[in-house]
Structures are given as C-alpha cells and as structure tokens.
Amino acid sequence: MSISKIAHSPGHLIRRLNQAAVSLFLEEVGRAGYDLTPVQYAALAEIEVAPGIDQATLAARIAYDRATIGGVVSRLVDKGLVHRGTSSQDRRAKQLHLTAEGKRVRNDIEPLVEKVQQRILAGLSVGEGEVLVKLLYKAAEASNEHSRAPLRIDDE
C-alpha cells in the first residue's frame, strides 16, 4: 500500500504533532488532577510573567485569537486561577492577575509540562530534538504574519 503525498507534507505533519502534543498535555495534567488546556496553561504562564496584562495583549503574546481569548480567561476566572479587574487607565481594558491558587497550580504543573515536552520529542535524540525545536521556531517566526493570530511580544 502506498502513502499519499500529504503524509510527508509539513502542514499535515505539524497538525499530527500538534494533536499528539495536546493529547499528551491533557493526559499528564489530567492524571495529576488538573483540568487545564494547553492554551489555558499558556495564559497562566504569561499572566505570571506580566501581572496586570490586559486580555488583548495576552492574546497577542500567546498567539491566540483575540475574539476567543475572553472565553479562555473566563474559564480561568471560574476556576479561581485568575482575577480579572478593570484597568485604572482604561476602564474598557481588563487587567489580569494570577490568584494565589493560580500561582500554586502553575507551579505544580510546570514539571508536568516539561515532561510533556520530553514525551513529544521522545522519538528523537537530544541533538535532534534541539534541532527540531530551533527549526520549528524559525519556521513559526517566518510564517508569523500569515497566522490568524500572530505572536506579538512587543504589544504593551
């Protein structure tokens, strides 16, 4: 049986690897008793390094769609992990801060997230994994402007 050309196309392979990455994340984090998605984790991690960040900037910094970041934040608020307050400079903007529970959860699952990263690269040698990550970063940067949610780390 022959394999179609798509089986070796970058987009198809990236989609397959993303499916595996999400599955591994949910498995590791769920096994430890946490109910978080990769996007929710990314939001927690970014809010931790940028306390008081607004939702639009958060979306840009984790390369997530601005139209749906509100739902992600709402779920984190409902779980008691994030506090959403009104900005003193712009009453329309919502400032985000981790709660004490949010900080605890973020710290607790950090080793699990690291384990997921190792499992994603399990079929590769250490050197191959390092090269793959560098190449993925390079490709993601080169195509950033074509994304429906481009990464913007300088949005303040």
C-alpha atoms as a PDB file:
ATOM      1  CA  MET A   1       0.000   0.000   0.000  1.00  0.00           C
ATOM      2  CA  SER A   2       1.398   3.379  -0.940  1.00  0.00           C
ATOM      3  CA  ILE A   3       1.236   6.522   1.185  1.00  0.00           C
ATOM      4  CA  SER A   4      -0.227   9.714  -0.228  1.00  0.00           C
ATOM      5  CA  LYS A   5       1.928  12.753  -0.777  1.00  0.00           C
ATOM      6  CA  ILE A   6       0.184  14.532   2.090  1.00  0.00           C
ATOM      7  CA  ALA A   7       1.733  12.147   4.627  1.00  0.00           C
ATOM      8  CA  HIS A   8       5.058  13.920   4.095  1.00  0.00           C
ATOM      9  CA  SER A   9       3.789  17.493   3.817  1.00  0.00           C
ATOM     10  CA  PRO A  10       4.832  19.954   6.560  1.00  0.00           C
ATOM     11  CA  GLY A  11       1.307  21.167   7.317  1.00  0.00           C
ATOM     12  CA  HIS A  12      -0.021  17.632   7.754  1.00  0.00           C
ATOM     13  CA  LEU A  13       2.929  16.629   9.947  1.00  0.00           C
ATOM     14  CA  ILE A  14       2.604  19.761  12.089  1.00  0.00           C
ATOM     15  CA  ARG A  15      -1.119  19.051  12.575  1.00  0.00           C
ATOM     16  CA  ARG A  16      -0.376  15.460  13.619  1.00  0.00           C
ATOM     17  CA  LEU A  17       2.322  16.568  16.037  1.00  0.00           C
ATOM     18  CA  ASN A  18       0.003  19.235  17.474  1.00  0.00           C
ATOM     19  CA  GLN A  19      -2.689  16.599  18.044  1.00  0.00           C
ATOM     20  CA  ALA A  20      -0.178  14.441  19.886  1.00  0.00           C
ATOM     21  CA  ALA A  21       1.118  17.410  21.911  1.00  0.00           C
ATOM     22  CA  VAL A  22      -2.391  18.372  23.052  1.00  0.00           C
ATOM     23  CA  SER A  23      -3.230  14.756  23.882  1.00  0.00           C
ATOM     24  CA  LEU A  24      -0.029  14.310  25.905  1.00  0.00           C
ATOM     25  CA  PHE A  25      -0.641  17.599  27.753  1.00  0.00           C
ATOM     26  CA  LEU A  26      -4.214  16.646  28.677  1.00  0.00           C
ATOM     27  CA  GLU A  27      -3.071  13.175  29.751  1.00  0.00           C
ATOM     28  CA  GLU A  28      -0.237  14.372  32.023  1.00  0.00           C
ATOM     29  CA  VAL A  29      -2.108  17.295  33.542  1.00  0.00           C
ATOM     30  CA  GLY A  30      -5.345  15.326  33.891  1.00  0.00           C
ATOM     31  CA  ARG A  31      -3.581  12.406  35.559  1.00  0.00           C
ATOM     32  CA  ALA A  32      -2.394  14.854  38.225  1.00  0.00           C
ATOM     33  CA  GLY A  33      -5.981  16.005  38.770  1.00  0.00           C
ATOM     34  CA  TYR A  34      -5.901  19.312  36.909  1.00  0.00           C
ATOM     35  CA  ASP A  35      -8.461  20.466  34.364  1.00  0.00           C
ATOM     36  CA  LEU A  36      -6.437  22.764  32.100  1.00  0.00           C
ATOM     37  CA  THR A  37      -5.909  23.012  28.363  1.00  0.00           C
ATOM     38  CA  PRO A  38      -2.593  23.967  26.737  1.00  0.00           C
ATOM     39  CA  VAL A  39      -3.990  27.422  25.904  1.00  0.00           C
ATOM     40  CA  GLN A  40      -5.147  27.951  29.483  1.00  0.00           C
ATOM     41  CA  TYR A  41      -1.686  26.958  30.697  1.00  0.00           C
ATOM     42  CA  ALA A  42      -0.057  29.384  28.235  1.00  0.00           C
ATOM     43  CA  ALA A  43      -2.332  32.143  29.547  1.00  0.00           C
ATOM     44  CA  LEU A  44      -1.405  31.355  33.168  1.00  0.00           C
ATOM     45  CA  ALA A  45       2.294  31.354  32.311  1.00  0.00           C
ATOM     46  CA  GLU A  46       2.083  34.711  30.517  1.00  0.00           C
ATOM     47  CA  ILE A  47      -0.046  36.341  33.213  1.00  0.00           C
ATOM     48  CA  GLU A  48       2.529  35.200  35.765  1.00  0.00           C
ATOM     49  CA  VAL A  49       5.375  36.981  33.958  1.00  0.00           C
ATOM     50  CA  ALA A  50       3.238  40.029  33.104  1.00  0.00           C
ATOM     51  CA  PRO A  51       0.870  40.697  36.031  1.00  0.00           C
ATOM     52  CA  GLY A  52      -1.790  43.247  35.109  1.00  0.00           C
ATOM     53  CA  ILE A  53      -1.659  42.363  31.416  1.00  0.00           C
ATOM     54  CA  ASP A  54      -4.875  43.084  29.521  1.00  0.00           C
ATOM     55  CA  GLN A  55      -6.742  40.441  27.525  1.00  0.00           C
ATOM     56  CA  ALA A  56      -5.842  41.825  24.086  1.00  0.00           C
ATOM     57  CA  THR A  57      -2.139  41.907  24.921  1.00  0.00           C
ATOM     58  CA  LEU A  58      -2.364  38.426  26.425  1.00  0.00           C
ATOM     59  CA  ALA A  59      -3.882  37.138  23.188  1.00  0.00           C
ATOM     60  CA  ALA A  60      -1.065  38.709  21.177  1.00  0.00           C
ATOM     61  CA  ARG A  61       1.648  37.356  23.465  1.00  0.00           C
ATOM     62  CA  ILE A  62       0.431  33.758  23.293  1.00  0.00           C
ATOM     63  CA  ALA A  63      -0.565  33.974  19.607  1.00  0.00           C
ATOM     64  CA  TYR A  64      -4.215  33.315  20.325  1.00  0.00           C
ATOM     65  CA  ASP A  65      -7.298  34.698  18.634  1.00  0.00           C
ATOM     66  CA  ARG A  66      -8.477  37.941  20.276  1.00  0.00           C
ATOM     67  CA  ALA A  67     -12.099  37.023  19.649  1.00  0.00           C
ATOM     68  CA  THR A  68     -11.862  33.884  21.800  1.00  0.00           C
ATOM     69  CA  ILE A  69      -9.331  34.845  24.497  1.00  0.00           C
ATOM     70  CA  GLY A  70     -12.209  36.140  26.633  1.00  0.00           C
ATOM     71  CA  GLY A  71     -13.605  32.626  26.928  1.00  0.00           C
ATOM     72  CA  VAL A  72     -10.214  31.253  27.943  1.00  0.00           C
ATOM     73  CA  VAL A  73      -9.851  33.942  30.603  1.00  0.00           C
ATOM     74  CA  SER A  74     -13.440  33.442  31.801  1.00  0.00           C
ATOM     75  CA  ARG A  75     -12.786  29.735  32.349  1.00  0.00           C
ATOM     76  CA  LEU A  76      -9.627  30.563  34.331  1.00  0.00           C
ATOM     77  CA  VAL A  77     -11.598  33.086  36.408  1.00  0.00           C
ATOM     78  CA  ASP A  78     -14.351  30.500  37.000  1.00  0.00           C
ATOM     79  CA  LYS A  79     -11.693  28.017  38.186  1.00  0.00           C
ATOM     80  CA  GLY A  80     -10.389  30.596  40.658  1.00  0.00           C
ATOM     81  CA  LEU A  81      -6.978  30.805  38.976  1.00  0.00           C
ATOM     82  CA  VAL A  82      -7.156  34.342  37.578  1.00  0.00           C
ATOM     83  CA  HIS A  83      -8.574  37.621  38.837  1.00  0.00           C
ATOM     84  CA  ARG A  84      -9.924  39.980  36.171  1.00  0.00           C
ATOM     85  CA  GLY A  85     -10.189  43.616  37.192  1.00  0.00           C
ATOM     86  CA  THR A  86     -10.791  46.939  35.481  1.00  0.00           C
ATOM     87  CA  SER A  87      -7.747  48.987  34.479  1.00  0.00           C
ATOM     88  CA  SER A  88      -7.359  52.356  36.180  1.00  0.00           C
ATOM     89  CA  GLN A  89      -6.010  53.836  32.900  1.00  0.00           C
ATOM     90  CA  ASP A  90      -8.681  52.412  30.556  1.00  0.00           C
ATOM     91  CA  ARG A  91     -11.997  51.326  32.051  1.00  0.00           C
ATOM     92  CA  ARG A  92     -12.670  49.163  28.975  1.00  0.00           C
ATOM     93  CA  ALA A  93      -9.492  47.134  29.496  1.00  0.00           C
ATOM     94  CA  LYS A  94      -9.474  44.175  31.865  1.00  0.00           C
ATOM     95  CA  GLN A  95      -6.282  43.607  33.826  1.00  0.00           C
ATOM     96  CA  LEU A  96      -5.380  40.040  34.689  1.00  0.00           C
ATOM     97  CA  HIS A  97      -3.578  38.681  37.734  1.00  0.00           C
ATOM     98  CA  LEU A  98      -2.996  35.151  38.977  1.00  0.00           C
ATOM     99  CA  THR A  99      -4.727  34.326  42.230  1.00  0.00           C
ATOM    100  CA  ALA A 100      -2.771  32.505  44.948  1.00  0.00           C
ATOM    101  CA  GLU A 101      -4.399  29.299  43.671  1.00  0.00           C
ATOM    102  CA  GLY A 102      -3.415  30.193  40.100  1.00  0.00           C
ATOM    103  CA  LYS A 103       0.219  30.597  41.163  1.00  0.00           C
ATOM    104  CA  ARG A 104       0.120  27.284  43.029  1.00  0.00           C
ATOM    105  CA  VAL A 105      -1.406  25.418  40.094  1.00  0.00           C
ATOM    106  CA  ARG A 106       1.026  26.970  37.626  1.00  0.00           C
ATOM    107  CA  ASN A 107       3.965  25.950  39.783  1.00  0.00           C
ATOM    108  CA  ASP A 108       2.552  22.461  40.389  1.00  0.00           C
ATOM    109  CA  ILE A 109       2.077  21.649  36.723  1.00  0.00           C
ATOM    110  CA  GLU A 110       5.359  23.139  35.468  1.00  0.00           C
ATOM    111  CA  PRO A 111       7.212  19.796  35.858  1.00  0.00           C
ATOM    112  CA  LEU A 112       4.333  18.037  34.083  1.00  0.00           C
ATOM    113  CA  VAL A 113       4.587  20.446  31.164  1.00  0.00           C
ATOM    114  CA  GLU A 114       8.326  19.776  30.974  1.00  0.00           C
ATOM    115  CA  LYS A 115       7.591  16.035  30.929  1.00  0.00           C
ATOM    116  CA  VAL A 116       5.149  16.593  28.049  1.00  0.00           C
ATOM    117  CA  GLN A 117       7.852  18.412  26.091  1.00  0.00           C
ATOM    118  CA  GLN A 118      10.185  15.461  26.601  1.00  0.00           C
ATOM    119  CA  ARG A 119       7.495  12.985  25.540  1.00  0.00           C
ATOM    120  CA  ILE A 120       6.796  14.984  22.371  1.00  0.00           C
ATOM    121  CA  LEU A 121      10.450  14.596  21.403  1.00  0.00           C
ATOM    122  CA  ALA A 122      10.797  11.010  22.684  1.00  0.00           C
ATOM    123  CA  GLY A 123      11.497   9.541  19.237  1.00  0.00           C
ATOM    124  CA  LEU A 124      14.482  11.834  18.707  1.00  0.00           C
ATOM    125  CA  SER A 125      17.967  12.029  20.154  1.00  0.00           C
ATOM    126  CA  VAL A 126      18.703  15.051  22.351  1.00  0.00           C
ATOM    127  CA  GLY A 127      20.541  16.710  19.461  1.00  0.00           C
ATOM    128  CA  GLU A 128      17.733  16.002  17.014  1.00  0.00           C
ATOM    129  CA  GLY A 129      15.208  17.427  19.469  1.00  0.00           C
ATOM    130  CA  GLU A 130      17.232  20.618  19.842  1.00  0.00           C
ATOM    131  CA  VAL A 131      17.498  20.975  16.053  1.00  0.00           C
ATOM    132  CA  LEU A 132      13.774  20.322  15.606  1.00  0.00           C
ATOM    133  CA  VAL A 133      12.842  22.984  18.166  1.00  0.00           C
ATOM    134  CA  LYS A 134      15.173  25.509  16.513  1.00  0.00           C
ATOM    135  CA  LEU A 135      13.721  24.725  13.084  1.00  0.00           C
ATOM    136  CA  LEU A 136      10.119  24.880  14.344  1.00  0.00           C
ATOM    137  CA  TYR A 137      10.853  28.264  15.933  1.00  0.00           C
ATOM    138  CA  LYS A 138      12.440  29.511  12.709  1.00  0.00           C
ATOM    139  CA  ALA A 139       9.512  28.298  10.600  1.00  0.00           C
ATOM    140  CA  ALA A 140       6.946  29.741  13.022  1.00  0.00           C
ATOM    141  CA  GLU A 141       8.706  33.118  13.004  1.00  0.00           C
ATOM    142  CA  ALA A 142       8.924  33.131   9.195  1.00  0.00           C
ATOM    143  CA  SER A 143       5.203  32.442   8.845  1.00  0.00           C
ATOM    144  CA  ASN A 144       4.033  34.537  11.809  1.00  0.00           C
ATOM    145  CA  GLU A 145       2.445  37.277   9.693  1.00  0.00           C
ATOM    146  CA  HIS A 146       0.335  34.687   7.863  1.00  0.00           C
ATOM    147  CA  SER A 147      -1.238  33.438  11.087  1.00  0.00           C
ATOM    148  CA  ARG A 148      -4.788  34.389  12.016  1.00  0.00           C
ATOM    149  CA  ALA A 149      -3.330  35.093  15.475  1.00  0.00           C
ATOM    150  CA  PRO A 150       0.273  36.261  15.025  1.00  0.00           C
ATOM    151  CA  LEU A 151       2.593  36.295  18.003  1.00  0.00           C
ATOM    152  CA  ARG A 152       3.191  39.837  19.234  1.00  0.00           C
ATOM    153  CA  ILE A 153       5.580  40.022  22.167  1.00  0.00           C
ATOM    154  CA  ASP A 154       6.095  43.779  21.937  1.00  0.00           C
ATOM    155  CA  ASP A 155       2.396  44.737  22.326  1.00  0.00           C
ATOM    156  CA  GLU A 156       2.070  46.724  25.508  1.00  0.00           C
END
